Structures are given as C-alpha cells and as structure tokens.
C-alpha atoms as a PDB file:
ATOM      1  CA  MET A   1      43.582  28.653 -24.289  1.00  0.00           C
ATOM      2  CA  GLU A   2      41.642  30.018 -27.259  1.00  0.00           C
ATOM      3  CA  ASN A   3      43.729  31.240 -30.186  1.00  0.00           C
ATOM      4  CA  LYS A   4      42.026  34.459 -31.334  1.00  0.00           C
ATOM      5  CA  ASN A   5      42.577  35.785 -34.850  1.00  0.00           C
ATOM      6  CA  VAL A   6      44.277  39.163 -34.936  1.00  0.00           C
ATOM      7  CA  GLN A   7      42.904  41.287 -37.780  1.00  0.00           C
ATOM      8  CA  ILE A   8      44.098  44.838 -38.386  1.00  0.00           C
ATOM      9  CA  ASP A   9      42.883  47.677 -40.596  1.00  0.00           C
ATOM     10  CA  ILE A  10      45.875  49.909 -41.342  1.00  0.00           C
ATOM     11  CA  GLY A  11      45.000  53.533 -42.092  1.00  0.00           C
ATOM     12  CA  CYS A  12      41.419  52.842 -41.059  1.00  0.00           C
ATOM     13  CA  GLY A  13      40.245  56.446 -41.008  1.00  0.00           C
ATOM     14  CA  LYS A  14      36.607  56.843 -39.976  1.00  0.00           C
ATOM     15  CA  ASN A  15      35.437  53.826 -42.005  1.00  0.00           C
ATOM     16  CA  ARG A  16      37.145  50.861 -40.366  1.00  0.00           C
ATOM     17  CA  HIS A  17      36.388  47.286 -41.322  1.00  0.00           C
ATOM     18  CA  LYS A  18      34.061  45.549 -38.864  1.00  0.00           C
ATOM     19  CA  GLY A  19      35.839  43.096 -36.584  1.00  0.00           C
ATOM     20  CA  PHE A  20      39.274  44.564 -37.296  1.00  0.00           C
ATOM     21  CA  VAL A  21      41.506  46.571 -34.970  1.00  0.00           C
ATOM     22  CA  GLY A  22      41.607  50.059 -36.473  1.00  0.00           C
ATOM     23  CA  ILE A  23      45.055  51.643 -36.776  1.00  0.00           C
ATOM     24  CA  ASP A  24      45.563  55.209 -37.922  1.00  0.00           C
ATOM     25  CA  ILE A  25      48.135  57.937 -37.377  1.00  0.00           C
ATOM     26  CA  ASP A  26      45.329  60.503 -37.009  1.00  0.00           C
ATOM     27  CA  LYS A  27      43.917  60.402 -33.473  1.00  0.00           C
ATOM     28  CA  GLU A  28      40.987  62.585 -34.621  1.00  0.00           C
ATOM     29  CA  VAL A  29      39.419  59.597 -36.438  1.00  0.00           C
ATOM     30  CA  ASN A  30      39.350  57.719 -33.115  1.00  0.00           C
ATOM     31  CA  PRO A  31      41.192  54.537 -34.127  1.00  0.00           C
ATOM     32  CA  ASP A  32      41.669  51.652 -31.696  1.00  0.00           C
ATOM     33  CA  ILE A  33      45.430  52.252 -31.925  1.00  0.00           C
ATOM     34  CA  VAL A  34      47.151  55.503 -32.902  1.00  0.00           C
ATOM     35  CA  ALA A  35      50.262  54.446 -34.822  1.00  0.00           C
ATOM     36  CA  SER A  36      52.152  54.876 -38.060  1.00  0.00           C
ATOM     37  CA  ALA A  37      51.673  52.298 -40.799  1.00  0.00           C
ATOM     38  CA  LEU A  38      55.453  52.407 -41.210  1.00  0.00           C
ATOM     39  CA  ASP A  39      56.121  51.261 -37.627  1.00  0.00           C
ATOM     40  CA  LEU A  40      53.315  48.950 -36.519  1.00  0.00           C
ATOM     41  CA  PRO A  41      53.076  48.237 -32.759  1.00  0.00           C
ATOM     42  CA  PHE A  42      52.842  44.454 -33.167  1.00  0.00           C
ATOM     43  CA  GLN A  43      55.266  41.607 -32.572  1.00  0.00           C
ATOM     44  CA  ASN A  44      56.746  39.753 -35.530  1.00  0.00           C
ATOM     45  CA  ASP A  45      54.453  37.010 -36.883  1.00  0.00           C
ATOM     46  CA  SER A  46      51.506  38.049 -34.681  1.00  0.00           C
ATOM     47  CA  VAL A  47      48.767  39.130 -37.120  1.00  0.00           C
ATOM     48  CA  ASP A  48      46.442  36.843 -39.088  1.00  0.00           C
ATOM     49  CA  GLU A  49      44.940  39.329 -41.522  1.00  0.00           C
ATOM     50  CA  VAL A  50      45.612  42.865 -42.735  1.00  0.00           C
ATOM     51  CA  VAL A  51      43.355  45.161 -44.721  1.00  0.00           C
ATOM     52  CA  SER A  52      44.206  48.628 -45.943  1.00  0.00           C
ATOM     53  CA  THR A  53      42.118  50.814 -48.195  1.00  0.00           C
ATOM     54  CA  HIS A  54      43.372  53.913 -50.008  1.00  0.00           C
ATOM     55  CA  LEU A  55      46.548  54.349 -47.980  1.00  0.00           C
ATOM     56  CA  VAL A  56      49.443  53.372 -50.265  1.00  0.00           C
ATOM     57  CA  GLU A  57      48.889  56.308 -52.628  1.00  0.00           C
ATOM     58  CA  HIS A  58      49.609  58.640 -49.695  1.00  0.00           C
ATOM     59  CA  PHE A  59      53.205  57.338 -49.553  1.00  0.00           C
ATOM     60  CA  ILE A  60      56.256  58.124 -51.632  1.00  0.00           C
ATOM     61  CA  PRO A  61      57.777  54.879 -53.019  1.00  0.00           C
ATOM     62  CA  GLU A  62      60.328  54.468 -50.195  1.00  0.00           C
ATOM     63  CA  ASP A  63      57.582  54.694 -47.582  1.00  0.00           C
ATOM     64  CA  ALA A  64      55.310  52.372 -49.560  1.00  0.00           C
ATOM     65  CA  GLN A  65      58.126  49.801 -49.543  1.00  0.00           C
ATOM     66  CA  GLN A  66      58.435  50.203 -45.758  1.00  0.00           C
ATOM     67  CA  PHE A  67      54.652  49.749 -45.442  1.00  0.00           C
ATOM     68  CA  PHE A  68      54.787  46.386 -47.236  1.00  0.00           C
ATOM     69  CA  THR A  69      57.865  45.378 -45.216  1.00  0.00           C
ATOM     70  CA  GLU A  70      55.930  46.086 -42.006  1.00  0.00           C
ATOM     71  CA  ILE A  71      52.955  44.050 -43.196  1.00  0.00           C
ATOM     72  CA  TYR A  72      55.262  41.134 -43.974  1.00  0.00           C
ATOM     73  CA  ARG A  73      56.938  41.449 -40.574  1.00  0.00           C
ATOM     74  CA  VAL A  74      53.723  41.353 -38.515  1.00  0.00           C
ATOM     75  CA  LEU A  75      51.850  38.716 -40.549  1.00  0.00           C
ATOM     76  CA  LYS A  76      51.924  35.124 -39.348  1.00  0.00           C
ATOM     77  CA  GLU A  77      53.036  32.447 -41.793  1.00  0.00           C
ATOM     78  CA  GLY A  78      50.015  31.907 -44.061  1.00  0.00           C
ATOM     79  CA  GLY A  79      48.552  35.272 -43.016  1.00  0.00           C
ATOM     80  CA  GLU A  80      46.772  37.332 -45.665  1.00  0.00           C
ATOM     81  CA  ALA A  81      46.744  40.990 -46.645  1.00  0.00           C
ATOM     82  CA  LYS A  82      44.192  42.736 -48.849  1.00  0.00           C
ATOM     83  CA  ILE A  83      45.205  46.189 -50.026  1.00  0.00           C
ATOM     84  CA  LYS A  84      43.213  48.568 -52.218  1.00  0.00           C
ATOM     85  CA  VAL A  85      45.016  51.436 -53.963  1.00  0.00           C
ATOM     86  CA  ASP A  86      43.243  54.383 -55.564  1.00  0.00           C
ATOM     87  CA  LYS A  87      44.301  55.119 -59.118  1.00  0.00           C
ATOM     88  CA  ASP A  88      41.762  57.864 -59.963  1.00  0.00           C
ATOM     89  CA  TRP A  89      43.436  60.676 -58.079  1.00  0.00           C
ATOM     90  CA  TYR A  90      45.644  61.737 -60.977  1.00  0.00           C
ATOM     91  CA  LYS A  91      42.669  63.522 -62.494  1.00  0.00           C
ATOM     92  CA  LYS A  92      43.055  67.192 -61.638  1.00  0.00           C
ATOM     93  CA  ARG A  93      39.643  67.556 -60.080  1.00  0.00           C
ATOM     94  CA  LEU A  94      40.228  64.610 -57.746  1.00  0.00           C
ATOM     95  CA  MET A  95      43.769  65.630 -56.872  1.00  0.00           C
ATOM     96  CA  ALA A  96      42.515  69.061 -55.839  1.00  0.00           C
ATOM     97  CA  LYS A  97      40.136  67.354 -53.402  1.00  0.00           C
ATOM     98  CA  ASP A  98      42.939  65.368 -51.764  1.00  0.00           C
ATOM     99  CA  PRO A  99      46.425  66.813 -52.201  1.00  0.00           C
ATOM    100  CA  THR A 100      47.802  64.270 -49.704  1.00  0.00           C
ATOM    101  CA  HIS A 101      48.095  61.699 -52.490  1.00  0.00           C
ATOM    102  CA  LYS A 102      51.799  61.450 -53.257  1.00  0.00           C
ATOM    103  CA  TYR A 103      52.278  58.880 -56.006  1.00  0.00           C
ATOM    104  CA  ARG A 104      50.406  56.999 -58.709  1.00  0.00           C
ATOM    105  CA  TYR A 105      51.610  53.388 -58.577  1.00  0.00           C
ATOM    106  CA  THR A 106      51.603  50.886 -61.406  1.00  0.00           C
ATOM    107  CA  GLU A 107      50.976  47.179 -60.964  1.00  0.00           C
ATOM    108  CA  LYS A 108      54.637  46.484 -61.790  1.00  0.00           C
ATOM    109  CA  GLU A 109      55.906  48.895 -59.124  1.00  0.00           C
ATOM    110  CA  LEU A 110      53.645  47.334 -56.509  1.00  0.00           C
ATOM    111  CA  LEU A 111      54.651  43.787 -57.484  1.00  0.00           C
ATOM    112  CA  ASN A 112      58.303  44.765 -57.081  1.00  0.00           C
ATOM    113  CA  MET A 113      57.549  45.832 -53.496  1.00  0.00           C
ATOM    114  CA  VAL A 114      55.990  42.510 -52.456  1.00  0.00           C
ATOM    115  CA  THR A 115      58.456  39.938 -53.785  1.00  0.00           C
ATOM    116  CA  ASN A 116      58.955  38.352 -50.335  1.00  0.00           C
ATOM    117  CA  PHE A 117      55.321  37.159 -50.071  1.00  0.00           C
ATOM    118  CA  SER A 118      54.648  33.525 -51.034  1.00  0.00           C
ATOM    119  CA  LYS A 119      51.522  34.429 -53.011  1.00  0.00           C
ATOM    120  CA  LYS A 120      50.809  37.754 -54.612  1.00  0.00           C
ATOM    121  CA  GLU A 121      48.226  39.062 -57.007  1.00  0.00           C
ATOM    122  CA  VAL A 122      47.927  42.623 -58.233  1.00  0.00           C
ATOM    123  CA  ILE A 123      44.897  43.505 -60.337  1.00  0.00           C
ATOM    124  CA  ASP A 124      44.314  46.855 -62.025  1.00  0.00           C
ATOM    125  CA  LYS A 125      40.562  47.135 -62.402  1.00  0.00           C
ATOM    126  CA  ILE A 126      38.210  49.658 -63.928  1.00  0.00           C
ATOM    127  CA  TYR A 127      34.635  49.582 -62.703  1.00  0.00           C
ATOM    128  CA  PHE A 128      31.671  51.908 -62.819  1.00  0.00           C
ATOM    129  CA  LEU A 129      29.742  53.489 -59.953  1.00  0.00           C
ATOM    130  CA  HIS A 130      27.422  54.947 -62.564  1.00  0.00           C
ATOM    131  CA  PHE A 131      27.475  54.441 -66.320  1.00  0.00           C
ATOM    132  CA  TYR A 132      29.230  57.780 -66.759  1.00  0.00           C
ATOM    133  CA  GLN A 133      31.644  57.597 -63.811  1.00  0.00           C
ATOM    134  CA  PRO A 134      34.447  55.045 -64.217  1.00  0.00           C
ATOM    135  CA  ARG A 135      36.705  54.305 -61.248  1.00  0.00           C
ATOM    136  CA  ARG A 136      40.125  52.717 -61.341  1.00  0.00           C
ATOM    137  CA  LYS A 137      41.622  50.802 -58.424  1.00  0.00           C
ATOM    138  CA  ILE A 138      44.453  48.385 -57.878  1.00  0.00           C
ATOM    139  CA  PHE A 139      43.615  45.386 -55.703  1.00  0.00           C
ATOM    140  CA  ILE A 140      46.508  43.585 -54.030  1.00  0.00           C
ATOM    141  CA  SER A 141      46.124  40.160 -52.425  1.00  0.00           C
ATOM    142  CA  LEU A 142      49.113  38.809 -50.499  1.00  0.00           C
ATOM    143  CA  VAL A 143      49.913  35.698 -48.463  1.00  0.00           C
ATOM    144  CA  LYS A 144      53.014  35.358 -46.298  1.00  0.00           C
END
C-alpha cells in the first residue's frame, strides 16, 4: 500500500498552495474542506505538512494558541509546518482595508505558543516589493 503524504493549507482562501488540501472556514472561497482552523477534521498524527499564510493575525492570542495546538496535534512525528504572519496591518491605511485582523504578534509571543515543537524558528523579516514599499512578515518554521 502506498503511503501518500498529507499536506494541508489552513485558511487557504482563494489562493491555495498547489498540491495541498485547502481548508477554510469560508465556503465561498470553495476550499476542499470547510472547517475551522481551531478544530481541524484530521486524526492525531495524520498530516505530513502544514502551510498557512496570513491567518494567525486574524486570531486573538487564545485562539492563536489553539491554532498551534491543533497543528501540533495533527502533524506526524517529524512533520513540518510553515506559517507566514502579516505584520504590516497595523498601519492605519492597511487596517482599514482589512478590519478582520485582530492582533499584531511579536516573535517572542509566537515562540511562546510553539514550545512543544522539537524545532522552531521565528524570523521577523522586512523586504521590499518596490524600493518605496517595505513589507514586514514573520515566518515561522516548525517541526514536530
């Protein structure tokens, strides 16, 4: 029997990662699975890889902690998670565009939420789309 990798994109929205099962609470974006990121419909230790882009900032800290707990629960031993968190939204003009952002996390806060992972790296990075338009993101790499 072939052992297929299970890869999930939590909070996929309309732009899901190719080859990943798209999970989103919003059925209007047509995900593969309609479900909450805080209660994933997967067995314990059943997922090989998780990606999530621009979702954590939509959670208050208690829900963000539950999100990371769920990722840990569903990941297989040695499974990896790659999470990208937006840090630009605090600017008034960006916040007005997306008032669903709930919290601006620091690297330290995020590290405190992922202590149970065997490997963890949180990088706060500034990069430029254009010379005049800096962007700030936090990249989180986790291994169970």
